[in-house]
């Protein structure tokens, strides 16, 4: 694995699941898929967005992880855009992916989630 020494930050891949409570109302529960060691890159500069007439900071982040093994699908080692990344106490929505080399690694492009 190339540049494995730069992957020194632990990130957690999570997914929201919709379930029903005792009254049949939908509730959102989060499940942890797995934890990866990643290199964290903050490209560009931070920006702000306006939601409900309030300013919220936004941050783009690129996480570089090892490429998931396609034969280890039984272990849950796959990444999709309906999942999100938890790093350093913050949640980041997955925007897209880019393969590095020939399965040397995977760039995961993310944007920080606003307050819910």
N, C-alpha and C. Protein backbone atom coordinates (compact mmCIF):
# COMPACT_ATOMS: atom_id res chain seq x y z
N UNK A 1 0.86 -1.18 0.00
CA UNK A 1 0.00 0.00 0.00
C UNK A 1 0.90 1.23 0.00
N UNK A 2 0.74 2.07 -0.99
CA UNK A 2 1.56 3.26 -1.13
C UNK A 2 1.14 4.34 -0.15
N UNK A 3 2.12 5.05 0.41
CA UNK A 3 1.89 6.17 1.32
C UNK A 3 0.98 5.80 2.49
N UNK A 4 1.15 4.63 3.03
CA UNK A 4 0.32 4.20 4.16
C UNK A 4 0.63 5.03 5.40
N UNK A 5 1.83 5.60 5.50
CA UNK A 5 2.20 6.39 6.67
C UNK A 5 1.40 7.68 6.80
N UNK A 6 0.86 8.18 5.70
CA UNK A 6 0.05 9.40 5.76
C UNK A 6 -1.36 9.13 6.27
N UNK A 7 -1.78 7.90 6.23
CA UNK A 7 -3.13 7.55 6.67
C UNK A 7 -3.10 7.30 8.17
N UNK A 8 -3.08 8.40 8.90
CA UNK A 8 -2.90 8.33 10.35
C UNK A 8 -4.11 8.83 11.14
N UNK A 9 -5.24 9.03 10.48
CA UNK A 9 -6.46 9.50 11.15
C UNK A 9 -7.54 8.44 11.04
N UNK A 10 -8.21 8.17 12.13
CA UNK A 10 -9.28 7.18 12.13
C UNK A 10 -10.59 7.84 11.74
N UNK A 11 -11.25 7.31 10.71
CA UNK A 11 -12.58 7.79 10.33
C UNK A 11 -13.54 6.62 10.45
N UNK A 12 -14.80 6.94 10.67
CA UNK A 12 -15.83 5.92 10.80
C UNK A 12 -16.86 6.12 9.71
N UNK A 13 -17.14 5.07 8.96
CA UNK A 13 -18.17 5.11 7.93
C UNK A 13 -19.48 4.69 8.60
N UNK A 14 -20.50 5.54 8.48
CA UNK A 14 -21.79 5.26 9.11
C UNK A 14 -22.91 5.34 8.09
N UNK A 15 -24.06 4.82 8.47
CA UNK A 15 -25.23 4.86 7.60
C UNK A 15 -26.47 5.07 8.46
N UNK A 16 -27.37 5.93 7.96
CA UNK A 16 -28.65 6.15 8.64
C UNK A 16 -29.65 5.09 8.20
N UNK A 17 -30.38 4.55 9.16
CA UNK A 17 -31.42 3.56 8.87
C UNK A 17 -32.75 4.07 9.38
N UNK A 18 -33.79 3.90 8.59
CA UNK A 18 -35.13 4.28 9.02
C UNK A 18 -35.80 3.08 9.68
N UNK A 19 -36.28 3.29 10.89
CA UNK A 19 -37.02 2.26 11.60
C UNK A 19 -38.32 2.87 12.11
N UNK A 20 -39.16 2.06 12.68
CA UNK A 20 -40.42 2.56 13.23
C UNK A 20 -40.41 2.38 14.74
N UNK A 21 -40.97 3.38 15.42
CA UNK A 21 -41.11 3.26 16.87
C UNK A 21 -42.39 2.49 17.20
N UNK A 22 -42.73 2.44 18.48
CA UNK A 22 -43.91 1.67 18.92
C UNK A 22 -45.21 2.20 18.34
N UNK A 23 -45.22 3.48 17.94
CA UNK A 23 -46.43 4.10 17.41
C UNK A 23 -46.47 4.10 15.88
N UNK A 24 -45.46 3.51 15.25
CA UNK A 24 -45.41 3.44 13.80
C UNK A 24 -44.79 4.66 13.14
N UNK A 25 -44.25 5.57 13.94
CA UNK A 25 -43.61 6.77 13.40
C UNK A 25 -42.18 6.44 12.97
N UNK A 26 -41.74 7.00 11.84
CA UNK A 26 -40.37 6.73 11.40
C UNK A 26 -39.35 7.41 12.31
N UNK A 27 -38.31 6.70 12.63
CA UNK A 27 -37.20 7.24 13.40
C UNK A 27 -35.90 6.91 12.67
N UNK A 28 -34.93 7.76 12.83
CA UNK A 28 -33.64 7.56 12.18
C UNK A 28 -32.65 7.04 13.21
N UNK A 29 -32.02 5.92 12.88
CA UNK A 29 -30.97 5.39 13.74
C UNK A 29 -29.71 5.23 12.91
N UNK A 30 -28.57 5.45 13.53
CA UNK A 30 -27.30 5.39 12.83
C UNK A 30 -26.58 4.10 13.20
N UNK A 31 -26.03 3.43 12.19
CA UNK A 31 -25.24 2.24 12.44
C UNK A 31 -23.84 2.44 11.90
N UNK A 32 -22.86 1.94 12.62
CA UNK A 32 -21.47 2.05 12.21
C UNK A 32 -21.13 0.89 11.29
N UNK A 33 -20.70 1.21 10.07
CA UNK A 33 -20.34 0.16 9.14
C UNK A 33 -18.94 -0.36 9.45
N UNK A 34 -17.95 0.53 9.48
CA UNK A 34 -16.59 0.13 9.80
C UNK A 34 -15.73 1.36 9.98
N UNK A 35 -14.51 1.14 10.47
CA UNK A 35 -13.55 2.21 10.72
C UNK A 35 -12.36 2.03 9.78
N UNK A 36 -11.90 3.14 9.22
CA UNK A 36 -10.76 3.14 8.29
C UNK A 36 -9.68 4.06 8.82
N UNK A 37 -8.45 3.78 8.43
CA UNK A 37 -7.37 4.75 8.60
C UNK A 37 -7.33 5.58 7.32
N UNK A 38 -7.25 6.90 7.47
CA UNK A 38 -7.34 7.77 6.29
C UNK A 38 -6.35 8.92 6.38
N UNK A 39 -6.01 9.43 5.21
CA UNK A 39 -5.31 10.71 5.10
C UNK A 39 -6.37 11.77 4.88
N UNK A 40 -6.29 12.87 5.61
CA UNK A 40 -7.31 13.91 5.53
C UNK A 40 -6.72 15.13 4.82
N UNK A 41 -7.42 15.59 3.78
CA UNK A 41 -6.98 16.76 3.02
C UNK A 41 -8.12 17.77 3.01
N UNK A 42 -7.78 19.01 3.36
CA UNK A 42 -8.76 20.10 3.32
C UNK A 42 -8.44 20.98 2.11
N UNK A 43 -9.07 20.71 0.94
CA UNK A 43 -8.77 21.51 -0.24
C UNK A 43 -9.47 22.87 -0.19
N UNK A 44 -8.80 23.87 -0.74
CA UNK A 44 -9.42 25.19 -0.84
C UNK A 44 -9.66 25.83 0.51
N UNK A 45 -10.69 26.64 0.57
CA UNK A 45 -11.00 27.36 1.80
C UNK A 45 -12.43 27.05 2.23
N UNK A 46 -12.71 27.39 3.45
CA UNK A 46 -14.05 27.15 3.99
C UNK A 46 -15.02 28.18 3.42
N UNK A 47 -16.30 27.84 3.44
CA UNK A 47 -17.32 28.77 2.99
C UNK A 47 -18.47 28.75 3.97
N UNK A 48 -19.49 29.51 3.64
CA UNK A 48 -20.66 29.57 4.51
C UNK A 48 -21.92 29.37 3.69
N UNK A 49 -22.96 28.84 4.33
CA UNK A 49 -24.24 28.71 3.68
C UNK A 49 -25.31 29.31 4.57
N UNK A 50 -26.40 29.73 3.95
CA UNK A 50 -27.49 30.34 4.70
C UNK A 50 -28.63 29.34 4.77
N UNK A 51 -29.04 28.99 5.99
CA UNK A 51 -30.17 28.10 6.20
C UNK A 51 -31.02 28.72 7.29
N UNK A 52 -32.27 28.92 7.00
CA UNK A 52 -33.20 29.51 7.97
C UNK A 52 -32.67 30.84 8.48
N UNK A 53 -32.13 31.62 7.56
CA UNK A 53 -31.63 32.96 7.86
C UNK A 53 -30.50 32.96 8.87
N UNK A 54 -29.76 31.87 8.94
CA UNK A 54 -28.58 31.81 9.80
C UNK A 54 -27.40 31.32 8.97
N UNK A 55 -26.20 31.77 9.32
CA UNK A 55 -25.00 31.36 8.61
C UNK A 55 -24.41 30.12 9.26
N UNK A 56 -24.08 29.13 8.43
CA UNK A 56 -23.43 27.92 8.91
C UNK A 56 -22.14 27.72 8.11
N UNK A 57 -21.06 27.41 8.79
CA UNK A 57 -19.81 27.16 8.05
C UNK A 57 -19.89 25.84 7.31
N UNK A 58 -19.27 25.79 6.14
CA UNK A 58 -19.18 24.57 5.35
C UNK A 58 -17.71 24.27 5.09
N UNK A 59 -17.40 23.00 5.03
CA UNK A 59 -16.01 22.62 4.79
C UNK A 59 -16.00 21.39 3.87
N UNK A 60 -15.19 21.48 2.82
CA UNK A 60 -14.98 20.32 1.94
C UNK A 60 -13.77 19.56 2.45
N UNK A 61 -13.85 18.23 2.42
CA UNK A 61 -12.77 17.38 2.91
C UNK A 61 -12.62 16.22 1.95
N UNK A 62 -11.38 15.80 1.74
CA UNK A 62 -11.09 14.60 0.95
C UNK A 62 -10.41 13.61 1.90
N UNK A 63 -10.97 12.42 1.98
CA UNK A 63 -10.38 11.35 2.76
C UNK A 63 -9.78 10.34 1.80
N UNK A 64 -8.52 10.00 2.00
CA UNK A 64 -7.87 8.98 1.18
C UNK A 64 -7.74 7.72 2.03
N UNK A 65 -8.41 6.66 1.57
CA UNK A 65 -8.42 5.40 2.31
C UNK A 65 -7.90 4.29 1.41
N UNK A 66 -7.65 3.12 1.99
CA UNK A 66 -7.26 1.99 1.15
C UNK A 66 -8.47 1.57 0.32
N UNK A 67 -8.21 0.98 -0.80
CA UNK A 67 -9.31 0.58 -1.68
C UNK A 67 -10.05 -0.59 -1.06
N UNK A 68 -11.39 -0.51 -0.97
CA UNK A 68 -12.14 -1.65 -0.43
C UNK A 68 -11.97 -2.88 -1.30
N UNK A 69 -11.81 -4.03 -0.68
CA UNK A 69 -11.63 -5.28 -1.39
C UNK A 69 -12.98 -5.75 -1.92
N UNK A 70 -13.16 -5.86 -3.24
CA UNK A 70 -14.47 -6.25 -3.77
C UNK A 70 -14.87 -7.67 -3.41
N UNK A 71 -13.90 -8.53 -3.05
CA UNK A 71 -14.23 -9.90 -2.68
C UNK A 71 -14.61 -10.01 -1.21
N UNK A 72 -14.42 -8.94 -0.43
CA UNK A 72 -14.72 -8.98 1.01
C UNK A 72 -16.05 -8.33 1.31
N UNK A 73 -16.99 -8.41 0.36
CA UNK A 73 -18.29 -7.77 0.54
C UNK A 73 -19.03 -8.33 1.75
N UNK A 74 -18.77 -9.55 2.12
CA UNK A 74 -19.43 -10.14 3.28
C UNK A 74 -19.03 -9.43 4.56
N UNK A 75 -17.87 -8.78 4.55
CA UNK A 75 -17.40 -8.04 5.72
C UNK A 75 -17.97 -6.63 5.76
N UNK A 76 -18.68 -6.21 4.73
CA UNK A 76 -19.25 -4.88 4.71
C UNK A 76 -18.27 -3.81 4.30
N UNK A 77 -17.19 -4.19 3.63
CA UNK A 77 -16.16 -3.23 3.25
C UNK A 77 -16.47 -2.60 1.90
N UNK A 78 -17.56 -1.87 1.83
CA UNK A 78 -17.88 -1.13 0.62
C UNK A 78 -18.33 0.26 1.04
N UNK A 79 -18.13 1.21 0.18
CA UNK A 79 -18.47 2.60 0.47
C UNK A 79 -19.46 3.05 -0.59
N UNK A 80 -20.55 3.70 -0.16
CA UNK A 80 -21.54 4.20 -1.11
C UNK A 80 -21.94 5.61 -0.71
N UNK A 81 -22.66 6.28 -1.61
CA UNK A 81 -23.01 7.67 -1.37
C UNK A 81 -24.16 7.84 -0.39
N UNK A 82 -24.81 6.77 0.00
CA UNK A 82 -25.86 6.92 1.01
C UNK A 82 -25.30 6.79 2.43
N UNK A 83 -23.98 6.64 2.54
CA UNK A 83 -23.33 6.60 3.84
C UNK A 83 -22.73 7.97 4.14
N UNK A 84 -22.23 8.14 5.35
CA UNK A 84 -21.53 9.37 5.70
C UNK A 84 -20.34 9.03 6.56
N UNK A 85 -19.42 9.99 6.67
CA UNK A 85 -18.17 9.79 7.38
C UNK A 85 -18.20 10.60 8.67
N UNK A 86 -17.79 9.98 9.76
CA UNK A 86 -17.63 10.69 11.03
C UNK A 86 -16.14 10.80 11.30
N UNK A 87 -15.66 12.04 11.43
CA UNK A 87 -14.25 12.28 11.70
C UNK A 87 -14.13 13.43 12.68
N UNK A 88 -13.40 13.21 13.72
CA UNK A 88 -13.10 14.24 14.70
C UNK A 88 -14.37 14.86 15.29
N UNK A 89 -15.38 14.03 15.49
CA UNK A 89 -16.63 14.49 16.09
C UNK A 89 -17.59 15.19 15.15
N UNK A 90 -17.27 15.24 13.86
CA UNK A 90 -18.13 15.90 12.87
C UNK A 90 -18.55 14.89 11.81
N UNK A 91 -19.72 15.14 11.22
CA UNK A 91 -20.25 14.27 10.17
C UNK A 91 -20.07 14.93 8.81
N UNK A 92 -19.69 14.12 7.82
CA UNK A 92 -19.45 14.60 6.46
C UNK A 92 -20.24 13.73 5.49
N UNK A 93 -21.04 14.38 4.62
CA UNK A 93 -21.78 13.66 3.58
C UNK A 93 -20.83 13.27 2.46
N UNK A 94 -20.99 12.08 1.93
CA UNK A 94 -20.16 11.60 0.83
C UNK A 94 -20.71 12.16 -0.47
N UNK A 95 -19.86 12.86 -1.23
CA UNK A 95 -20.26 13.44 -2.51
C UNK A 95 -19.87 12.57 -3.69
N UNK A 96 -18.72 11.90 -3.59
CA UNK A 96 -18.26 11.08 -4.71
C UNK A 96 -16.96 10.38 -4.38
N UNK A 97 -16.47 9.61 -5.37
CA UNK A 97 -15.28 8.80 -5.19
C UNK A 97 -14.36 8.94 -6.39
N UNK A 98 -13.08 8.61 -6.16
CA UNK A 98 -12.12 8.55 -7.25
C UNK A 98 -11.10 7.47 -6.90
N UNK A 99 -10.91 6.54 -7.80
CA UNK A 99 -9.95 5.47 -7.56
C UNK A 99 -8.54 5.98 -7.81
N UNK A 100 -7.61 5.59 -6.96
CA UNK A 100 -6.21 5.98 -7.10
C UNK A 100 -5.45 4.79 -7.68
N UNK A 101 -4.82 5.01 -8.82
CA UNK A 101 -4.04 3.94 -9.45
C UNK A 101 -4.91 2.75 -9.79
N UNK A 102 -4.32 1.58 -9.64
CA UNK A 102 -5.05 0.33 -9.88
C UNK A 102 -5.38 -0.29 -8.53
N UNK A 103 -6.42 0.28 -7.91
CA UNK A 103 -6.88 -0.14 -6.59
C UNK A 103 -5.82 0.05 -5.50
N UNK A 104 -5.01 1.12 -5.66
CA UNK A 104 -4.05 1.47 -4.62
C UNK A 104 -4.75 2.18 -3.48
N UNK A 105 -5.79 2.93 -3.79
CA UNK A 105 -6.51 3.67 -2.77
C UNK A 105 -7.78 4.25 -3.33
N UNK A 106 -8.48 4.99 -2.49
CA UNK A 106 -9.75 5.58 -2.90
C UNK A 106 -9.86 6.96 -2.27
N UNK A 107 -10.12 7.97 -3.11
CA UNK A 107 -10.39 9.31 -2.61
C UNK A 107 -11.90 9.43 -2.39
N UNK A 108 -12.29 9.83 -1.20
CA UNK A 108 -13.69 10.01 -0.87
C UNK A 108 -13.91 11.51 -0.66
N UNK A 109 -14.67 12.14 -1.56
CA UNK A 109 -14.94 13.57 -1.50
C UNK A 109 -16.16 13.79 -0.61
N UNK A 110 -16.03 14.68 0.37
CA UNK A 110 -17.09 14.90 1.35
C UNK A 110 -17.31 16.38 1.60
N UNK A 111 -18.49 16.69 2.13
CA UNK A 111 -18.85 18.04 2.56
C UNK A 111 -19.43 17.92 3.97
N UNK A 112 -19.01 18.82 4.84
CA UNK A 112 -19.47 18.78 6.22
C UNK A 112 -20.97 19.01 6.29
N UNK A 113 -21.64 18.20 7.11
CA UNK A 113 -23.08 18.35 7.31
C UNK A 113 -23.33 19.57 8.17
N UNK A 114 -24.44 20.27 7.85
CA UNK A 114 -24.88 21.39 8.69
C UNK A 114 -25.55 20.85 9.93
N UNK A 115 -25.93 21.74 10.81
CA UNK A 115 -26.64 21.30 12.00
C UNK A 115 -28.01 20.81 11.61
N UNK A 116 -28.47 19.78 12.27
CA UNK A 116 -29.77 19.19 11.94
C UNK A 116 -30.84 19.75 12.81
